[in-house]
Amino acid sequence: EWVRQCAAGTASPSLPLTIFMERADGIMRDADQPSWLTNNAPDVMVKVFVGVEAWTSNVSAFTPVWNERLYLPGLPGRDDRDELRFEVWDIDRTSPNDLLGNG
């Protein structure tokens, strides 16, 4: 599992949801990059989706720690079939961002 998370609040679609984003484990070096580049830790950010999205700050580490609360407001049009999804990204300054994993 990419991200250990603890959800507090209610699953009701019209009420807000708070996600506590603790940390990520297992971020790997990019095997396609030259060795002098792979020693640099990625700038990791997590996006959380459930009808709306929220995201963490960027943390430069192979085992990033955020300890952040993400607030997802309630949406009257959202229904119970909306899935809670996570995406882990490497944020790049000079090239497109890289999707590292999702769930």
PDB file of N, CA and C in Angstrom:
ATOM      1  N   GLU A   1       0.855  -1.182   0.000  1.00  0.00           N
ATOM      2  CA  GLU A   1       0.000   0.000   0.000  1.00  0.00           C
ATOM      3  C   GLU A   1       0.892   1.233   0.000  1.00  0.00           C
ATOM      4  N   TRP A   2       0.566   2.182  -0.879  1.00  0.00           N
ATOM      5  CA  TRP A   2       1.417   3.372  -1.053  1.00  0.00           C
ATOM      6  C   TRP A   2       1.332   4.319   0.124  1.00  0.00           C
ATOM      7  N   VAL A   3       0.189   4.495   0.630  1.00  0.00           N
ATOM      8  CA  VAL A   3       0.021   5.537   1.644  1.00  0.00           C
ATOM      9  C   VAL A   3      -0.746   4.975   2.814  1.00  0.00           C
ATOM     10  N   ARG A   4      -0.204   5.184   4.005  1.00  0.00           N
ATOM     11  CA  ARG A   4      -0.969   4.831   5.201  1.00  0.00           C
ATOM     12  C   ARG A   4      -1.823   6.034   5.524  1.00  0.00           C
ATOM     13  N   GLN A   5      -3.103   5.795   5.668  1.00  0.00           N
ATOM     14  CA  GLN A   5      -3.995   6.919   5.925  1.00  0.00           C
ATOM     15  C   GLN A   5      -5.005   6.545   6.980  1.00  0.00           C
ATOM     16  N   CYS A   6      -5.505   7.550   7.607  1.00  0.00           N
ATOM     17  CA  CYS A   6      -6.541   7.372   8.606  1.00  0.00           C
ATOM     18  C   CYS A   6      -7.637   8.362   8.282  1.00  0.00           C
ATOM     19  N   ALA A   7      -8.827   7.889   7.973  1.00  0.00           N
ATOM     20  CA  ALA A   7      -9.933   8.778   7.635  1.00  0.00           C
ATOM     21  C   ALA A   7     -10.779   9.016   8.877  1.00  0.00           C
ATOM     22  N   ALA A   8     -11.012  10.269   9.152  1.00  0.00           N
ATOM     23  CA  ALA A   8     -11.864  10.630  10.283  1.00  0.00           C
ATOM     24  C   ALA A   8     -13.054  11.396   9.725  1.00  0.00           C
ATOM     25  N   GLY A   9     -14.174  11.230  10.288  1.00  0.00           N
ATOM     26  CA  GLY A   9     -15.364  11.926   9.800  1.00  0.00           C
ATOM     27  C   GLY A   9     -16.428  10.928   9.404  1.00  0.00           C
ATOM     28  N   THR A  10     -17.245  11.320   8.453  1.00  0.00           N
ATOM     29  CA  THR A  10     -18.364  10.492   8.043  1.00  0.00           C
ATOM     30  C   THR A  10     -18.277  10.158   6.571  1.00  0.00           C
ATOM     31  N   ALA A  11     -18.866   9.049   6.157  1.00  0.00           N
ATOM     32  CA  ALA A  11     -18.872   8.642   4.761  1.00  0.00           C
ATOM     33  C   ALA A  11     -20.061   9.217   4.016  1.00  0.00           C
ATOM     34  N   SER A  12     -20.893   9.975   4.690  1.00  0.00           N
ATOM     35  CA  SER A  12     -22.054  10.568   4.030  1.00  0.00           C
ATOM     36  C   SER A  12     -21.600  11.497   2.910  1.00  0.00           C
ATOM     37  N   PRO A  13     -22.143  11.360   1.691  1.00  0.00           N
ATOM     38  CA  PRO A  13     -21.669  12.128   0.546  1.00  0.00           C
ATOM     39  C   PRO A  13     -21.793  13.635   0.705  1.00  0.00           C
ATOM     40  N   SER A  14     -22.782  14.110   1.425  1.00  0.00           N
ATOM     41  CA  SER A  14     -22.978  15.548   1.490  1.00  0.00           C
ATOM     42  C   SER A  14     -22.236  16.202   2.654  1.00  0.00           C
ATOM     43  N   LEU A  15     -21.532  15.409   3.457  1.00  0.00           N
ATOM     44  CA  LEU A  15     -20.787  15.954   4.587  1.00  0.00           C
ATOM     45  C   LEU A  15     -19.288  15.926   4.299  1.00  0.00           C
ATOM     46  N   PRO A  16     -18.508  16.800   4.929  1.00  0.00           N
ATOM     47  CA  PRO A  16     -17.068  16.841   4.666  1.00  0.00           C
ATOM     48  C   PRO A  16     -16.344  15.601   5.174  1.00  0.00           C
ATOM     49  N   LEU A  17     -15.170  15.381   4.607  1.00  0.00           N
ATOM     50  CA  LEU A  17     -14.321  14.255   4.979  1.00  0.00           C
ATOM     51  C   LEU A  17     -12.920  14.804   5.249  1.00  0.00           C
ATOM     52  N   THR A  18     -12.311  14.384   6.349  1.00  0.00           N
ATOM     53  CA  THR A  18     -10.944  14.770   6.660  1.00  0.00           C
ATOM     54  C   THR A  18     -10.071  13.529   6.590  1.00  0.00           C
ATOM     55  N   ILE A  19      -8.965  13.615   5.837  1.00  0.00           N
ATOM     56  CA  ILE A  19      -8.009  12.517   5.687  1.00  0.00           C
ATOM     57  C   ILE A  19      -6.719  12.947   6.369  1.00  0.00           C
ATOM     58  N   PHE A  20      -6.159  12.086   7.199  1.00  0.00           N
ATOM     59  CA  PHE A  20      -4.849  12.367   7.786  1.00  0.00           C
ATOM     60  C   PHE A  20      -3.817  11.622   6.957  1.00  0.00           C
ATOM     61  N   MET A  21      -2.960  12.364   6.273  1.00  0.00           N
ATOM     62  CA  MET A  21      -1.924  11.773   5.428  1.00  0.00           C
ATOM     63  C   MET A  21      -0.641  11.725   6.235  1.00  0.00           C
ATOM     64  N   GLU A  22      -0.261  10.515   6.634  1.00  0.00           N
ATOM     65  CA  GLU A  22       0.901  10.349   7.505  1.00  0.00           C
ATOM     66  C   GLU A  22       2.202  10.294   6.712  1.00  0.00           C
ATOM     67  N   ARG A  23       2.382   9.213   5.911  1.00  0.00           N
ATOM     68  CA  ARG A  23       3.647   9.024   5.221  1.00  0.00           C
ATOM     69  C   ARG A  23       3.491   8.027   4.089  1.00  0.00           C
ATOM     70  N   ALA A  24       4.530   7.875   3.290  1.00  0.00           N
ATOM     71  CA  ALA A  24       4.572   6.874   2.221  1.00  0.00           C
ATOM     72  C   ALA A  24       5.850   6.060   2.372  1.00  0.00           C
ATOM     73  N   ASP A  25       5.781   4.798   2.028  1.00  0.00           N
ATOM     74  CA  ASP A  25       6.937   3.902   2.060  1.00  0.00           C
ATOM     75  C   ASP A  25       7.158   3.325   0.672  1.00  0.00           C
ATOM     76  N   GLY A  26       8.387   2.959   0.375  1.00  0.00           N
ATOM     77  CA  GLY A  26       8.670   2.208  -0.845  1.00  0.00           C
ATOM     78  C   GLY A  26       8.808   3.039  -2.099  1.00  0.00           C
ATOM     79  N   ILE A  27       9.077   4.334  -1.985  1.00  0.00           N
ATOM     80  CA  ILE A  27       9.315   5.141  -3.180  1.00  0.00           C
ATOM     81  C   ILE A  27      10.669   4.714  -3.737  1.00  0.00           C
ATOM     82  N   MET A  28      10.694   4.304  -5.002  1.00  0.00           N
ATOM     83  CA  MET A  28      11.907   3.751  -5.605  1.00  0.00           C
ATOM     84  C   MET A  28      12.626   4.797  -6.455  1.00  0.00           C
ATOM     85  N   ARG A  29      13.914   4.584  -6.639  1.00  0.00           N
ATOM     86  CA  ARG A  29      14.686   5.377  -7.595  1.00  0.00           C
ATOM     87  C   ARG A  29      14.235   4.989  -9.002  1.00  0.00           C
ATOM     88  N   ASP A  30      14.302   5.915  -9.924  1.00  0.00           N
ATOM     89  CA  ASP A  30      13.906   5.672 -11.310  1.00  0.00           C
ATOM     90  C   ASP A  30      15.018   4.915 -12.028  1.00  0.00           C
ATOM     91  N   ALA A  31      14.746   3.676 -12.430  1.00  0.00           N
ATOM     92  CA  ALA A  31      15.758   2.835 -13.076  1.00  0.00           C
ATOM     93  C   ALA A  31      16.130   3.343 -14.460  1.00  0.00           C
ATOM     94  N   ASP A  32      15.269   4.172 -15.076  1.00  0.00           N
ATOM     95  CA  ASP A  32      15.544   4.691 -16.415  1.00  0.00           C
ATOM     96  C   ASP A  32      16.447   5.919 -16.410  1.00  0.00           C
ATOM     97  N   GLN A  33      16.747   6.449 -15.236  1.00  0.00           N
ATOM     98  CA  GLN A  33      17.558   7.667 -15.129  1.00  0.00           C
ATOM     99  C   GLN A  33      19.033   7.303 -14.945  1.00  0.00           C
ATOM    100  N   PRO A  34      19.940   8.191 -15.403  1.00  0.00           N
ATOM    101  CA  PRO A  34      21.365   7.964 -15.138  1.00  0.00           C
ATOM    102  C   PRO A  34      21.623   7.915 -13.631  1.00  0.00           C
ATOM    103  N   SER A  35      22.664   7.192 -13.233  1.00  0.00           N
ATOM    104  CA  SER A  35      22.918   6.986 -11.801  1.00  0.00           C
ATOM    105  C   SER A  35      23.126   8.295 -11.056  1.00  0.00           C
ATOM    106  N   TRP A  36      23.697   9.308 -11.697  1.00  0.00           N
ATOM    107  CA  TRP A  36      23.932  10.570 -10.992  1.00  0.00           C
ATOM    108  C   TRP A  36      22.629  11.284 -10.677  1.00  0.00           C
ATOM    109  N   LEU A  37      21.544  10.960 -11.401  1.00  0.00           N
ATOM    110  CA  LEU A  37      20.242  11.566 -11.106  1.00  0.00           C
ATOM    111  C   LEU A  37      19.459  10.784 -10.061  1.00  0.00           C
ATOM    112  N   THR A  38      19.660   9.477  -9.992  1.00  0.00           N
ATOM    113  CA  THR A  38      18.819   8.644  -9.128  1.00  0.00           C
ATOM    114  C   THR A  38      19.151   8.774  -7.652  1.00  0.00           C
ATOM    115  N   ASN A  39      20.260   9.425  -7.317  1.00  0.00           N
ATOM    116  CA  ASN A  39      20.575   9.631  -5.907  1.00  0.00           C
ATOM    117  C   ASN A  39      19.768  10.774  -5.309  1.00  0.00           C
ATOM    118  N   ASN A  40      19.163  11.592  -6.154  1.00  0.00           N
ATOM    119  CA  ASN A  40      18.329  12.688  -5.668  1.00  0.00           C
ATOM    120  C   ASN A  40      16.957  12.156  -5.286  1.00  0.00           C
ATOM    121  N   ALA A  41      16.501  12.525  -4.117  1.00  0.00           N
ATOM    122  CA  ALA A  41      15.178  12.078  -3.669  1.00  0.00           C
ATOM    123  C   ALA A  41      14.092  12.762  -4.501  1.00  0.00           C
ATOM    124  N   PRO A  42      13.005  12.057  -4.792  1.00  0.00           N
ATOM    125  CA  PRO A  42      11.906  12.666  -5.533  1.00  0.00           C
ATOM    126  C   PRO A  42      11.162  13.675  -4.665  1.00  0.00           C
ATOM    127  N   ASP A  43      10.504  14.626  -5.305  1.00  0.00           N
ATOM    128  CA  ASP A  43       9.612  15.568  -4.625  1.00  0.00           C
ATOM    129  C   ASP A  43       8.215  14.958  -4.691  1.00  0.00           C
ATOM    130  N   VAL A  44       7.800  14.330  -3.593  1.00  0.00           N
ATOM    131  CA  VAL A  44       6.584  13.512  -3.588  1.00  0.00           C
ATOM    132  C   VAL A  44       5.391  14.298  -3.057  1.00  0.00           C
ATOM    133  N   MET A  45       4.260  14.141  -3.753  1.00  0.00           N
ATOM    134  CA  MET A  45       3.001  14.781  -3.381  1.00  0.00           C
ATOM    135  C   MET A  45       1.889  13.745  -3.571  1.00  0.00           C
ATOM    136  N   VAL A  46       0.878  13.768  -2.708  1.00  0.00           N
ATOM    137  CA  VAL A  46      -0.254  12.847  -2.819  1.00  0.00           C
ATOM    138  C   VAL A  46      -1.513  13.640  -3.123  1.00  0.00           C
ATOM    139  N   LYS A  47      -2.263  13.161  -4.129  1.00  0.00           N
ATOM    140  CA  LYS A  47      -3.593  13.700  -4.431  1.00  0.00           C
ATOM    141  C   LYS A  47      -4.619  12.711  -3.909  1.00  0.00           C
ATOM    142  N   VAL A  48      -5.675  13.233  -3.300  1.00  0.00           N
ATOM    143  CA  VAL A  48      -6.780  12.421  -2.796  1.00  0.00           C
ATOM    144  C   VAL A  48      -8.037  12.880  -3.529  1.00  0.00           C
ATOM    145  N   PHE A  49      -8.818  11.933  -4.042  1.00  0.00           N
ATOM    146  CA  PHE A  49     -10.030  12.241  -4.806  1.00  0.00           C
ATOM    147  C   PHE A  49     -11.222  11.529  -4.213  1.00  0.00           C
ATOM    148  N   VAL A  50     -12.336  12.207  -4.137  1.00  0.00           N
ATOM    149  CA  VAL A  50     -13.645  11.595  -3.890  1.00  0.00           C
ATOM    150  C   VAL A  50     -14.686  12.639  -4.282  1.00  0.00           C
ATOM    151  N   GLY A  51     -14.925  12.758  -5.580  1.00  0.00           N
ATOM    152  CA  GLY A  51     -15.801  13.807  -6.088  1.00  0.00           C
ATOM    153  C   GLY A  51     -15.072  15.135  -6.217  1.00  0.00           C
ATOM    154  N   VAL A  52     -14.233  15.478  -5.283  1.00  0.00           N
ATOM    155  CA  VAL A  52     -13.342  16.641  -5.316  1.00  0.00           C
ATOM    156  C   VAL A  52     -11.940  16.130  -4.996  1.00  0.00           C
ATOM    157  N   GLU A  53     -10.944  17.000  -5.109  1.00  0.00           N
ATOM    158  CA  GLU A  53      -9.589  16.555  -4.806  1.00  0.00           C
ATOM    159  C   GLU A  53      -8.913  17.491  -3.818  1.00  0.00           C
ATOM    160  N   ALA A  54      -7.946  16.935  -3.116  1.00  0.00           N
ATOM    161  CA  ALA A  54      -7.073  17.687  -2.214  1.00  0.00           C
ATOM    162  C   ALA A  54      -5.689  17.090  -2.386  1.00  0.00           C
ATOM    163  N   TRP A  55      -4.653  17.836  -2.008  1.00  0.00           N
ATOM    164  CA  TRP A  55      -3.308  17.324  -2.158  1.00  0.00           C
ATOM    165  C   TRP A  55      -2.424  17.797  -1.027  1.00  0.00           C
ATOM    166  N   THR A  56      -1.378  16.997  -0.791  1.00  0.00           N
ATOM    167  CA  THR A  56      -0.415  17.319   0.254  1.00  0.00           C
ATOM    168  C   THR A  56       0.597  18.325  -0.284  1.00  0.00           C
ATOM    169  N   SER A  57       1.454  18.788   0.587  1.00  0.00           N
ATOM    170  CA  SER A  57       2.615  19.564   0.160  1.00  0.00           C
ATOM    171  C   SER A  57       3.628  18.603  -0.468  1.00  0.00           C
ATOM    172  N   ASN A  58       4.630  19.143  -1.150  1.00  0.00           N
ATOM    173  CA  ASN A  58       5.705  18.331  -1.718  1.00  0.00           C
ATOM    174  C   ASN A  58       6.747  18.068  -0.645  1.00  0.00           C
ATOM    175  N   VAL A  59       7.195  16.799  -0.558  1.00  0.00           N
ATOM    176  CA  VAL A  59       8.254  16.434   0.386  1.00  0.00           C
ATOM    177  C   VAL A  59       9.343  15.728  -0.411  1.00  0.00           C
ATOM    178  N   SER A  60      10.568  16.194  -0.296  1.00  0.00           N
ATOM    179  CA  SER A  60      11.684  15.608  -1.020  1.00  0.00           C
ATOM    180  C   SER A  60      12.298  14.489  -0.174  1.00  0.00           C
ATOM    181  N   ALA A  61      11.894  13.228  -0.474  1.00  0.00           N
ATOM    182  CA  ALA A  61      12.374  12.076   0.299  1.00  0.00           C
ATOM    183  C   ALA A  61      11.928  10.779  -0.360  1.00  0.00           C
ATOM    184  N   PHE A  62      12.686   9.698  -0.121  1.00  0.00           N
ATOM    185  CA  PHE A  62      12.262   8.368  -0.567  1.00  0.00           C
ATOM    186  C   PHE A  62      11.230   7.776   0.386  1.00  0.00           C
ATOM    187  N   THR A  63      11.174   8.264   1.616  1.00  0.00           N
ATOM    188  CA  THR A  63      10.149   7.890   2.593  1.00  0.00           C
ATOM    189  C   THR A  63       9.559   9.191   3.144  1.00  0.00           C
ATOM    190  N   PRO A  64       8.718   9.855   2.345  1.00  0.00           N
ATOM    191  CA  PRO A  64       8.189  11.162   2.762  1.00  0.00           C
ATOM    192  C   PRO A  64       7.233  11.061   3.947  1.00  0.00           C
ATOM    193  N   VAL A  65       7.304  12.054   4.820  1.00  0.00           N
ATOM    194  CA  VAL A  65       6.409  12.171   5.971  1.00  0.00           C
ATOM    195  C   VAL A  65       5.716  13.516   5.861  1.00  0.00           C
ATOM    196  N   TRP A  66       4.381  13.491   5.851  1.00  0.00           N
ATOM    197  CA  TRP A  66       3.601  14.729   5.754  1.00  0.00           C
ATOM    198  C   TRP A  66       2.973  15.113   7.095  1.00  0.00           C
ATOM    199  N   ASN A  67       2.297  14.173   7.730  1.00  0.00           N
ATOM    200  CA  ASN A  67       1.525  14.463   8.941  1.00  0.00           C
ATOM    201  C   ASN A  67       0.603  15.654   8.704  1.00  0.00           C
ATOM    202  N   GLU A  68      -0.160  15.589   7.618  1.00  0.00           N
ATOM    203  CA  GLU A  68      -1.066  16.669   7.213  1.00  0.00           C
ATOM    204  C   GLU A  68      -2.503  16.180   7.184  1.00  0.00           C
ATOM    205  N   ARG A  69      -3.420  17.072   7.479  1.00  0.00           N
ATOM    206  CA  ARG A  69      -4.848  16.799   7.329  1.00  0.00           C
ATOM    207  C   ARG A  69      -5.316  17.408   6.018  1.00  0.00           C
ATOM    208  N   LEU A  70      -5.997  16.587   5.229  1.00  0.00           N
ATOM    209  CA  LEU A  70      -6.574  17.058   3.973  1.00  0.00           C
ATOM    210  C   LEU A  70      -8.084  17.132   4.151  1.00  0.00           C
ATOM    211  N   TYR A  71      -8.650  18.250   3.786  1.00  0.00           N
ATOM    212  CA  TYR A  71     -10.084  18.477   3.951  1.00  0.00           C
ATOM    213  C   TYR A  71     -10.769  18.366   2.601  1.00  0.00           C
ATOM    214  N   LEU A  72     -11.755  17.479   2.519  1.00  0.00           N
ATOM    215  CA  LEU A  72     -12.569  17.318   1.316  1.00  0.00           C
ATOM    216  C   LEU A  72     -13.989  17.751   1.668  1.00  0.00           C
ATOM    217  N   PRO A  73     -14.434  18.885   1.102  1.00  0.00           N
ATOM    218  CA  PRO A  73     -15.758  19.386   1.459  1.00  0.00           C
ATOM    219  C   PRO A  73     -16.862  18.452   0.959  1.00  0.00           C
ATOM    220  N   GLY A  74     -17.981  18.485   1.632  1.00  0.00           N
ATOM    221  CA  GLY A  74     -19.135  17.705   1.190  1.00  0.00           C
ATOM    222  C   GLY A  74     -19.720  18.291  -0.079  1.00  0.00           C
ATOM    223  N   LEU A  75     -20.230  17.445  -0.933  1.00  0.00           N
ATOM    224  CA  LEU A  75     -20.844  17.890  -2.186  1.00  0.00           C
ATOM    225  C   LEU A  75     -22.247  17.320  -2.284  1.00  0.00           C
ATOM    226  N   PRO A  76     -23.259  18.161  -2.435  1.00  0.00           N
ATOM    227  CA  PRO A  76     -24.621  17.651  -2.527  1.00  0.00           C
ATOM    228  C   PRO A  76     -24.814  16.669  -3.670  1.00  0.00           C
ATOM    229  N   GLY A  77     -24.075  16.824  -4.791  1.00  0.00           N
ATOM    230  CA  GLY A  77     -24.242  15.943  -5.944  1.00  0.00           C
ATOM    231  C   GLY A  77     -23.456  14.655  -5.871  1.00  0.00           C
ATOM    232  N   ARG A  78     -22.586  14.527  -4.885  1.00  0.00           N
ATOM    233  CA  ARG A  78     -21.769  13.318  -4.758  1.00  0.00           C
ATOM    234  C   ARG A  78     -22.634  12.187  -4.212  1.00  0.00           C
ATOM    235  N   ASP A  79     -22.347  10.964  -4.645  1.00  0.00           N
ATOM    236  CA  ASP A  79     -23.118   9.847  -4.092  1.00  0.00           C
ATOM    237  C   ASP A  79     -22.170   8.803  -3.499  1.00  0.00           C
ATOM    238  N   ASP A  80     -22.740   7.798  -2.886  1.00  0.00           N
ATOM    239  CA  ASP A  80     -21.963   6.785  -2.173  1.00  0.00           C
ATOM    240  C   ASP A  80     -21.105   5.924  -3.097  1.00  0.00           C
ATOM    241  N   ARG A  81     -21.347   5.990  -4.407  1.00  0.00           N
ATOM    242  CA  ARG A  81     -20.544   5.195  -5.336  1.00  0.00           C
ATOM    243  C   ARG A  81     -19.213   5.861  -5.651  1.00  0.00           C
ATOM    244  N   ASP A  82     -19.055   7.141  -5.294  1.00  0.00           N
ATOM    245  CA  ASP A  82     -17.759   7.797  -5.492  1.00  0.00           C
ATOM    246  C   ASP A  82     -16.720   7.100  -4.628  1.00  0.00           C
ATOM    247  N   GLU A  83     -15.629   6.679  -5.251  1.00  0.00           N
ATOM    248  CA  GLU A  83     -14.577   5.961  -4.531  1.00  0.00           C
ATOM    249  C   GLU A  83     -13.518   6.929  -4.038  1.00  0.00           C
ATOM    250  N   LEU A  84     -12.980   6.639  -2.881  1.00  0.00           N
ATOM    251  CA  LEU A  84     -11.844   7.373  -2.353  1.00  0.00           C
ATOM    252  C   LEU A  84     -10.604   6.832  -3.056  1.00  0.00           C
ATOM    253  N   ARG A  85      -9.884   7.706  -3.761  1.00  0.00           N
ATOM    254  CA  ARG A  85      -8.707   7.294  -4.532  1.00  0.00           C
ATOM    255  C   ARG A  85      -7.496   8.135  -4.134  1.00  0.00           C
ATOM    256  N   PHE A  86      -6.318   7.542  -4.249  1.00  0.00           N
ATOM    257  CA  PHE A  86      -5.058   8.207  -3.961  1.00  0.00           C
ATOM    258  C   PHE A  86      -4.158   8.115  -5.180  1.00  0.00           C
ATOM    259  N   GLU A  87      -3.405   9.173  -5.451  1.00  0.00           N
ATOM    260  CA  GLU A  87      -2.348   9.159  -6.454  1.00  0.00           C
ATOM    261  C   GLU A  87      -1.093   9.752  -5.824  1.00  0.00           C
ATOM    262  N   VAL A  88       0.039   9.077  -6.040  1.00  0.00           N
ATOM    263  CA  VAL A  88       1.315   9.551  -5.526  1.00  0.00           C
ATOM    264  C   VAL A  88       2.126  10.042  -6.718  1.00  0.00           C
ATOM    265  N   TRP A  89       2.588  11.302  -6.646  1.00  0.00           N
ATOM    266  CA  TRP A  89       3.280  11.943  -7.769  1.00  0.00           C
ATOM    267  C   TRP A  89       4.675  12.398  -7.377  1.00  0.00           C
ATOM    268  N   ASP A  90       5.584  12.313  -8.342  1.00  0.00           N
ATOM    269  CA  ASP A  90       6.891  12.961  -8.247  1.00  0.00           C
ATOM    270  C   ASP A  90       6.751  14.275  -9.005  1.00  0.00           C
ATOM    271  N   ILE A  91       6.885  15.379  -8.296  1.00  0.00           N
ATOM    272  CA  ILE A  91       6.719  16.701  -8.892  1.00  0.00           C
ATOM    273  C   ILE A  91       8.054  17.146  -9.469  1.00  0.00           C
ATOM    274  N   ASP A  92       8.067  17.429 -10.765  1.00  0.00           N
ATOM    275  CA  ASP A  92       9.288  17.838 -11.466  1.00  0.00           C
ATOM    276  C   ASP A  92       9.205  19.304 -11.871  1.00  0.00           C
ATOM    277  N   ARG A  93      10.330  19.972 -11.792  1.00  0.00           N
ATOM    278  CA  ARG A  93      10.370  21.398 -12.147  1.00  0.00           C
ATOM    279  C   ARG A  93      10.620  21.619 -13.632  1.00  0.00           C
ATOM    280  N   THR A  94      11.350  20.713 -14.285  1.00  0.00           N
ATOM    281  CA  THR A  94      11.765  20.941 -15.670  1.00  0.00           C
ATOM    282  C   THR A  94      11.188  19.930 -16.664  1.00  0.00           C
ATOM    283  N   SER A  95      10.370  19.000 -16.183  1.00  0.00           N
ATOM    284  CA  SER A  95       9.756  18.002 -17.066  1.00  0.00           C
ATOM    285  C   SER A  95       8.391  17.648 -16.511  1.00  0.00           C
ATOM    286  N   PRO A  96       7.571  16.900 -17.273  1.00  0.00           N
ATOM    287  CA  PRO A  96       6.244  16.537 -16.758  1.00  0.00           C
ATOM    288  C   PRO A  96       6.347  15.751 -15.449  1.00  0.00           C
ATOM    289  N   ASN A  97       5.370  15.920 -14.583  1.00  0.00           N
ATOM    290  CA  ASN A  97       5.305  15.183 -13.312  1.00  0.00           C
ATOM    291  C   ASN A  97       5.108  13.697 -13.590  1.00  0.00           C
ATOM    292  N   ASP A  98       5.626  12.854 -12.699  1.00  0.00           N
ATOM    293  CA  ASP A  98       5.553  11.409 -12.863  1.00  0.00           C
ATOM    294  C   ASP A  98       4.592  10.805 -11.858  1.00  0.00           C
ATOM    295  N   LEU A  99       3.619  10.015 -12.343  1.00  0.00           N
ATOM    296  CA  LEU A  99       2.727   9.251 -11.473  1.00  0.00           C
ATOM    297  C   LEU A  99       3.514   8.063 -10.936  1.00  0.00           C
ATOM    298  N   LEU A 100       3.674   7.989  -9.609  1.00  0.00           N
ATOM    299  CA  LEU A 100       4.435   6.903  -8.991  1.00  0.00           C
ATOM    300  C   LEU A 100       3.561   5.726  -8.592  1.00  0.00           C
ATOM    301  N   GLY A 101       2.293   5.981  -8.302  1.00  0.00           N
ATOM    302  CA  GLY A 101       1.392   4.904  -7.916  1.00  0.00           C
ATOM    303  C   GLY A 101       0.019   5.451  -7.599  1.00  0.00           C
ATOM    304  N   ASN A 102      -0.948   4.555  -7.519  1.00  0.00           N
ATOM    305  CA  ASN A 102      -2.320   4.973  -7.183  1.00  0.00           C
ATOM    306  C   ASN A 102      -3.053   3.826  -6.520  1.00  0.00           C
ATOM    307  N   GLY A 103      -4.167   4.164  -5.962  1.00  0.00           N
ATOM    308  CA  GLY A 103      -4.974   3.145  -5.298  1.00  0.00           C
ATOM    309  C   GLY A 103      -6.281   3.698  -4.843  1.00  0.00           C
TER     310      GLY A 103
END
